[in-house]
C-alpha atoms as a PDB file:
ATOM      1  CA  UNK A   1      30.351 -34.865  -3.833  1.00  0.00           C
ATOM      2  CA  UNK A   2      34.093 -34.527  -3.876  1.00  0.00           C
ATOM      3  CA  UNK A   3      36.052 -31.352  -4.487  1.00  0.00           C
ATOM      4  CA  UNK A   4      38.889 -31.714  -7.021  1.00  0.00           C
ATOM      5  CA  UNK A   5      42.373 -31.379  -5.559  1.00  0.00           C
ATOM      6  CA  UNK A   6      44.731 -28.680  -6.736  1.00  0.00           C
ATOM      7  CA  UNK A   7      47.452 -30.863  -8.231  1.00  0.00           C
ATOM      8  CA  UNK A   8      50.981 -29.943  -7.208  1.00  0.00           C
ATOM      9  CA  UNK A   9      49.866 -27.584  -4.421  1.00  0.00           C
ATOM     10  CA  UNK A  10      51.294 -28.445  -1.002  1.00  0.00           C
ATOM     11  CA  UNK A  11      49.059 -28.856   2.049  1.00  0.00           C
ATOM     12  CA  UNK A  12      48.936 -25.756   4.249  1.00  0.00           C
ATOM     13  CA  UNK A  13      49.725 -26.013   7.941  1.00  0.00           C
ATOM     14  CA  UNK A  14      46.960 -24.476  10.023  1.00  0.00           C
ATOM     15  CA  UNK A  15      48.396 -22.251  12.728  1.00  0.00           C
ATOM     16  CA  UNK A  16      45.280 -20.362  13.797  1.00  0.00           C
ATOM     17  CA  UNK A  17      41.826 -21.433  12.673  1.00  0.00           C
ATOM     18  CA  UNK A  18      39.152 -18.950  11.656  1.00  0.00           C
ATOM     19  CA  UNK A  19      35.574 -19.674  10.638  1.00  0.00           C
ATOM     20  CA  UNK A  20      36.038 -18.116   7.165  1.00  0.00           C
ATOM     21  CA  UNK A  21      38.838 -20.566   6.397  1.00  0.00           C
ATOM     22  CA  UNK A  22      36.824 -23.641   7.411  1.00  0.00           C
ATOM     23  CA  UNK A  23      34.630 -23.841   4.307  1.00  0.00           C
ATOM     24  CA  UNK A  24      35.012 -23.796   0.546  1.00  0.00           C
ATOM     25  CA  UNK A  25      32.251 -23.137  -2.008  1.00  0.00           C
ATOM     26  CA  UNK A  26      32.032 -25.865  -4.650  1.00  0.00           C
ATOM     27  CA  UNK A  27      29.534 -26.936  -7.286  1.00  0.00           C
ATOM     28  CA  UNK A  28      28.186 -30.457  -7.367  1.00  0.00           C
ATOM     29  CA  UNK A  29      28.986 -31.929 -10.795  1.00  0.00           C
ATOM     30  CA  UNK A  30      25.885 -34.129 -10.554  1.00  0.00           C
ATOM     31  CA  UNK A  31      23.135 -31.620  -9.767  1.00  0.00           C
ATOM     32  CA  UNK A  32      24.899 -28.239 -10.134  1.00  0.00           C
ATOM     33  CA  UNK A  33      24.081 -27.119  -6.584  1.00  0.00           C
ATOM     34  CA  UNK A  34      26.602 -24.567  -5.263  1.00  0.00           C
ATOM     35  CA  UNK A  35      27.095 -24.873  -1.558  1.00  0.00           C
ATOM     36  CA  UNK A  36      29.577 -24.579   1.284  1.00  0.00           C
ATOM     37  CA  UNK A  37      31.515 -27.723   2.171  1.00  0.00           C
ATOM     38  CA  UNK A  38      34.065 -28.315   4.923  1.00  0.00           C
ATOM     39  CA  UNK A  39      37.644 -27.738   3.813  1.00  0.00           C
ATOM     40  CA  UNK A  40      39.369 -31.183   3.977  1.00  0.00           C
ATOM     41  CA  UNK A  41      42.090 -31.565   6.594  1.00  0.00           C
ATOM     42  CA  UNK A  42      44.558 -34.182   7.750  1.00  0.00           C
ATOM     43  CA  UNK A  43      45.695 -34.605  11.317  1.00  0.00           C
ATOM     44  CA  UNK A  44      49.304 -35.540  12.058  1.00  0.00           C
ATOM     45  CA  UNK A  45      50.235 -37.645  15.106  1.00  0.00           C
ATOM     46  CA  UNK A  46      52.294 -34.656  16.327  1.00  0.00           C
ATOM     47  CA  UNK A  47      49.082 -32.616  16.619  1.00  0.00           C
ATOM     48  CA  UNK A  48      49.512 -30.431  13.524  1.00  0.00           C
ATOM     49  CA  UNK A  49      46.597 -29.958  11.155  1.00  0.00           C
ATOM     50  CA  UNK A  50      47.173 -29.756   7.416  1.00  0.00           C
ATOM     51  CA  UNK A  51      44.617 -28.279   5.026  1.00  0.00           C
ATOM     52  CA  UNK A  52      44.441 -30.012   1.644  1.00  0.00           C
ATOM     53  CA  UNK A  53      44.128 -27.525  -1.250  1.00  0.00           C
ATOM     54  CA  UNK A  54      40.954 -28.077  -3.259  1.00  0.00           C
ATOM     55  CA  UNK A  55      39.643 -26.248  -6.274  1.00  0.00           C
ATOM     56  CA  UNK A  56      36.588 -24.262  -5.233  1.00  0.00           C
ATOM     57  CA  UNK A  57      34.690 -24.268  -8.526  1.00  0.00           C
ATOM     58  CA  UNK A  58      33.973 -26.480 -11.488  1.00  0.00           C
ATOM     59  CA  UNK A  59      32.672 -25.545 -14.896  1.00  0.00           C
ATOM     60  CA  UNK A  60      30.020 -28.224 -15.261  1.00  0.00           C
ATOM     61  CA  UNK A  61      27.487 -25.611 -16.349  1.00  0.00           C
ATOM     62  CA  UNK A  62      27.659 -22.186 -17.953  1.00  0.00           C
ATOM     63  CA  UNK A  63      26.887 -20.589 -14.589  1.00  0.00           C
ATOM     64  CA  UNK A  64      29.808 -22.499 -13.099  1.00  0.00           C
ATOM     65  CA  UNK A  65      32.094 -21.161 -15.841  1.00  0.00           C
ATOM     66  CA  UNK A  66      31.165 -17.581 -14.952  1.00  0.00           C
ATOM     67  CA  UNK A  67      31.657 -18.290 -11.255  1.00  0.00           C
ATOM     68  CA  UNK A  68      35.036 -19.923 -11.921  1.00  0.00           C
ATOM     69  CA  UNK A  69      36.240 -16.891 -13.905  1.00  0.00           C
ATOM     70  CA  UNK A  70      35.024 -14.473 -11.219  1.00  0.00           C
ATOM     71  CA  UNK A  71      36.658 -16.534  -8.478  1.00  0.00           C
ATOM     72  CA  UNK A  72      39.916 -16.672 -10.423  1.00  0.00           C
ATOM     73  CA  UNK A  73      39.921 -12.885 -10.864  1.00  0.00           C
ATOM     74  CA  UNK A  74      39.295 -12.432  -7.133  1.00  0.00           C
ATOM     75  CA  UNK A  75      42.170 -14.796  -6.328  1.00  0.00           C
ATOM     76  CA  UNK A  76      44.646 -12.916  -8.535  1.00  0.00           C
ATOM     77  CA  UNK A  77      43.905  -9.527  -7.008  1.00  0.00           C
ATOM     78  CA  UNK A  78      40.509  -8.208  -8.112  1.00  0.00           C
ATOM     79  CA  UNK A  79      38.425  -8.913  -4.973  1.00  0.00           C
ATOM     80  CA  UNK A  80      35.431  -6.774  -5.930  1.00  0.00           C
ATOM     81  CA  UNK A  81      34.714  -8.317  -9.353  1.00  0.00           C
ATOM     82  CA  UNK A  82      30.990  -8.859 -10.007  1.00  0.00           C
ATOM     83  CA  UNK A  83      28.664  -9.508 -12.914  1.00  0.00           C
ATOM     84  CA  UNK A  84      27.704  -6.260 -14.538  1.00  0.00           C
ATOM     85  CA  UNK A  85      24.361  -5.312 -15.990  1.00  0.00           C
ATOM     86  CA  UNK A  86      25.880  -5.436 -19.487  1.00  0.00           C
ATOM     87  CA  UNK A  87      24.764  -8.394 -21.621  1.00  0.00           C
ATOM     88  CA  UNK A  88      27.298  -9.121 -24.385  1.00  0.00           C
ATOM     89  CA  UNK A  89      26.055 -11.281 -27.271  1.00  0.00           C
ATOM     90  CA  UNK A  90      27.996 -14.424 -26.381  1.00  0.00           C
ATOM     91  CA  UNK A  91      28.680 -14.282 -22.682  1.00  0.00           C
ATOM     92  CA  UNK A  92      28.738 -12.534 -19.350  1.00  0.00           C
ATOM     93  CA  UNK A  93      30.465  -9.282 -18.471  1.00  0.00           C
ATOM     94  CA  UNK A  94      32.463  -9.174 -15.218  1.00  0.00           C
ATOM     95  CA  UNK A  95      33.709  -5.882 -13.797  1.00  0.00           C
ATOM     96  CA  UNK A  96      35.458  -4.538 -10.766  1.00  0.00           C
ATOM     97  CA  UNK A  97      37.876  -1.757  -9.896  1.00  0.00           C
ATOM     98  CA  UNK A  98      40.648  -2.020 -12.474  1.00  0.00           C
ATOM     99  CA  UNK A  99      39.232  -5.007 -14.406  1.00  0.00           C
ATOM    100  CA  UNK A 100      36.817  -5.621 -17.286  1.00  0.00           C
ATOM    101  CA  UNK A 101      36.393  -9.269 -18.241  1.00  0.00           C
ATOM    102  CA  UNK A 102      34.255 -11.281 -20.616  1.00  0.00           C
ATOM    103  CA  UNK A 103      33.273 -14.899 -20.068  1.00  0.00           C
ATOM    104  CA  UNK A 104      32.427 -16.190 -23.536  1.00  0.00           C
ATOM    105  CA  UNK A 105      29.900 -19.012 -23.244  1.00  0.00           C
ATOM    106  CA  UNK A 106      29.535 -19.511 -26.998  1.00  0.00           C
ATOM    107  CA  UNK A 107      30.083 -22.845 -28.702  1.00  0.00           C
ATOM    108  CA  UNK A 108      32.401 -21.336 -31.334  1.00  0.00           C
ATOM    109  CA  UNK A 109      35.941 -20.071 -30.771  1.00  0.00           C
ATOM    110  CA  UNK A 110      36.147 -16.325 -30.110  1.00  0.00           C
ATOM    111  CA  UNK A 111      37.047 -14.093 -33.037  1.00  0.00           C
ATOM    112  CA  UNK A 112      39.205 -10.971 -33.266  1.00  0.00           C
ATOM    113  CA  UNK A 113      36.144  -8.662 -33.212  1.00  0.00           C
ATOM    114  CA  UNK A 114      35.155  -9.963 -29.764  1.00  0.00           C
ATOM    115  CA  UNK A 115      38.711  -9.416 -28.490  1.00  0.00           C
ATOM    116  CA  UNK A 116      38.764  -5.868 -29.864  1.00  0.00           C
ATOM    117  CA  UNK A 117      35.373  -5.054 -28.281  1.00  0.00           C
ATOM    118  CA  UNK A 118      36.611  -6.208 -24.877  1.00  0.00           C
ATOM    119  CA  UNK A 119      39.824  -4.213 -25.297  1.00  0.00           C
ATOM    120  CA  UNK A 120      37.842  -1.056 -26.150  1.00  0.00           C
ATOM    121  CA  UNK A 121      35.536  -1.540 -23.133  1.00  0.00           C
ATOM    122  CA  UNK A 122      38.527  -1.890 -20.829  1.00  0.00           C
ATOM    123  CA  UNK A 123      40.218   1.097 -22.457  1.00  0.00           C
ATOM    124  CA  UNK A 124      37.218   3.355 -21.746  1.00  0.00           C
ATOM    125  CA  UNK A 125      37.307   2.223 -18.101  1.00  0.00           C
ATOM    126  CA  UNK A 126      41.112   2.601 -17.800  1.00  0.00           C
ATOM    127  CA  UNK A 127      41.112  -1.026 -16.699  1.00  0.00           C
ATOM    128  CA  UNK A 128      42.863  -4.305 -17.395  1.00  0.00           C
ATOM    129  CA  UNK A 129      40.958  -6.694 -19.637  1.00  0.00           C
ATOM    130  CA  UNK A 130      40.681 -10.474 -19.469  1.00  0.00           C
ATOM    131  CA  UNK A 131      38.878 -12.806 -21.872  1.00  0.00           C
ATOM    132  CA  UNK A 132      37.685 -16.245 -20.711  1.00  0.00           C
ATOM    133  CA  UNK A 133      36.398 -18.708 -23.312  1.00  0.00           C
ATOM    134  CA  UNK A 134      34.904 -22.174 -23.142  1.00  0.00           C
ATOM    135  CA  UNK A 135      35.483 -22.852 -26.858  1.00  0.00           C
ATOM    136  CA  UNK A 136      38.902 -21.274 -27.393  1.00  0.00           C
ATOM    137  CA  UNK A 137      40.051 -18.685 -29.936  1.00  0.00           C
ATOM    138  CA  UNK A 138      40.599 -18.505 -33.679  1.00  0.00           C
ATOM    139  CA  UNK A 139      44.182 -17.734 -34.725  1.00  0.00           C
ATOM    140  CA  UNK A 140      43.331 -14.140 -35.706  1.00  0.00           C
ATOM    141  CA  UNK A 141      41.864 -13.521 -32.245  1.00  0.00           C
ATOM    142  CA  UNK A 142      45.052 -14.743 -30.569  1.00  0.00           C
ATOM    143  CA  UNK A 143      47.189 -12.579 -32.828  1.00  0.00           C
ATOM    144  CA  UNK A 144      45.014  -9.498 -32.218  1.00  0.00           C
ATOM    145  CA  UNK A 145      45.005 -10.138 -28.455  1.00  0.00           C
ATOM    146  CA  UNK A 146      48.798 -10.336 -28.454  1.00  0.00           C
ATOM    147  CA  UNK A 147      49.006  -7.046 -30.366  1.00  0.00           C
ATOM    148  CA  UNK A 148      46.570  -5.297 -28.002  1.00  0.00           C
ATOM    149  CA  UNK A 149      47.883  -6.949 -24.827  1.00  0.00           C
ATOM    150  CA  UNK A 150      44.568  -8.677 -24.022  1.00  0.00           C
ATOM    151  CA  UNK A 151      44.950 -11.696 -21.710  1.00  0.00           C
ATOM    152  CA  UNK A 152      43.197 -14.781 -23.103  1.00  0.00           C
ATOM    153  CA  UNK A 153      42.185 -17.685 -20.876  1.00  0.00           C
ATOM    154  CA  UNK A 154      40.619 -21.019 -21.740  1.00  0.00           C
ATOM    155  CA  UNK A 155      38.246 -22.443 -19.140  1.00  0.00           C
ATOM    156  CA  UNK A 156      38.836 -26.172 -18.999  1.00  0.00           C
ATOM    157  CA  UNK A 157      36.069 -28.616 -17.980  1.00  0.00           C
ATOM    158  CA  UNK A 158      37.243 -28.520 -14.364  1.00  0.00           C
ATOM    159  CA  UNK A 159      36.765 -24.735 -14.236  1.00  0.00           C
ATOM    160  CA  UNK A 160      40.444 -23.930 -14.290  1.00  0.00           C
ATOM    161  CA  UNK A 161      41.360 -20.812 -16.299  1.00  0.00           C
ATOM    162  CA  UNK A 162      44.441 -21.616 -18.387  1.00  0.00           C
ATOM    163  CA  UNK A 163      46.461 -18.747 -19.895  1.00  0.00           C
ATOM    164  CA  UNK A 164      46.693 -19.175 -23.679  1.00  0.00           C
ATOM    165  CA  UNK A 165      48.827 -16.152 -24.544  1.00  0.00           C
ATOM    166  CA  UNK A 166      51.676 -14.075 -23.130  1.00  0.00           C
ATOM    167  CA  UNK A 167      49.512 -11.291 -21.610  1.00  0.00           C
ATOM    168  CA  UNK A 168      47.428 -13.912 -19.752  1.00  0.00           C
ATOM    169  CA  UNK A 169      50.513 -15.641 -18.366  1.00  0.00           C
ATOM    170  CA  UNK A 170      51.894 -12.270 -17.302  1.00  0.00           C
ATOM    171  CA  UNK A 171      48.635 -11.303 -15.568  1.00  0.00           C
ATOM    172  CA  UNK A 172      48.561 -14.649 -13.824  1.00  0.00           C
ATOM    173  CA  UNK A 173      52.178 -14.300 -12.607  1.00  0.00           C
ATOM    174  CA  UNK A 174      51.930 -10.640 -11.614  1.00  0.00           C
ATOM    175  CA  UNK A 175      48.997 -11.223  -9.282  1.00  0.00           C
ATOM    176  CA  UNK A 176      49.931 -14.653  -7.925  1.00  0.00           C
END
């Protein structure tokens, strides 16, 4: 098992170690097991320790895709995001204070109706919306999302949410 590196991210100098920072949760691409693994580090001859940034989730399975989206939302400022009891037709509903998100696990690109439904759900909660898709979006869905201000993300095979429209890029930047 090897955790994928975050390309372009610099190593982080460890000043004070804490137990919570010692481990990262990753999914094994071979068997799908999610477990805690030691965070990789490099020692310098001067005595400094450098932590190598790794990506803590992969989207090898549908469950991994949901976990990757939830982890991403936590990282950008929604720490209490969880799966809700709602069961949308094509995916999994994630909610937390100020956020309503859909992880679309369908094999077809998302349509404008799905984007509008998410937008309405977020509107009733007075929350930000975010749409994560494994299969992408039809052109009408992208246009409607831009009009409504719905952030659209594509989950790549490595579990990395990639902004695919302006509202997604803005959400990503504003919480980074």
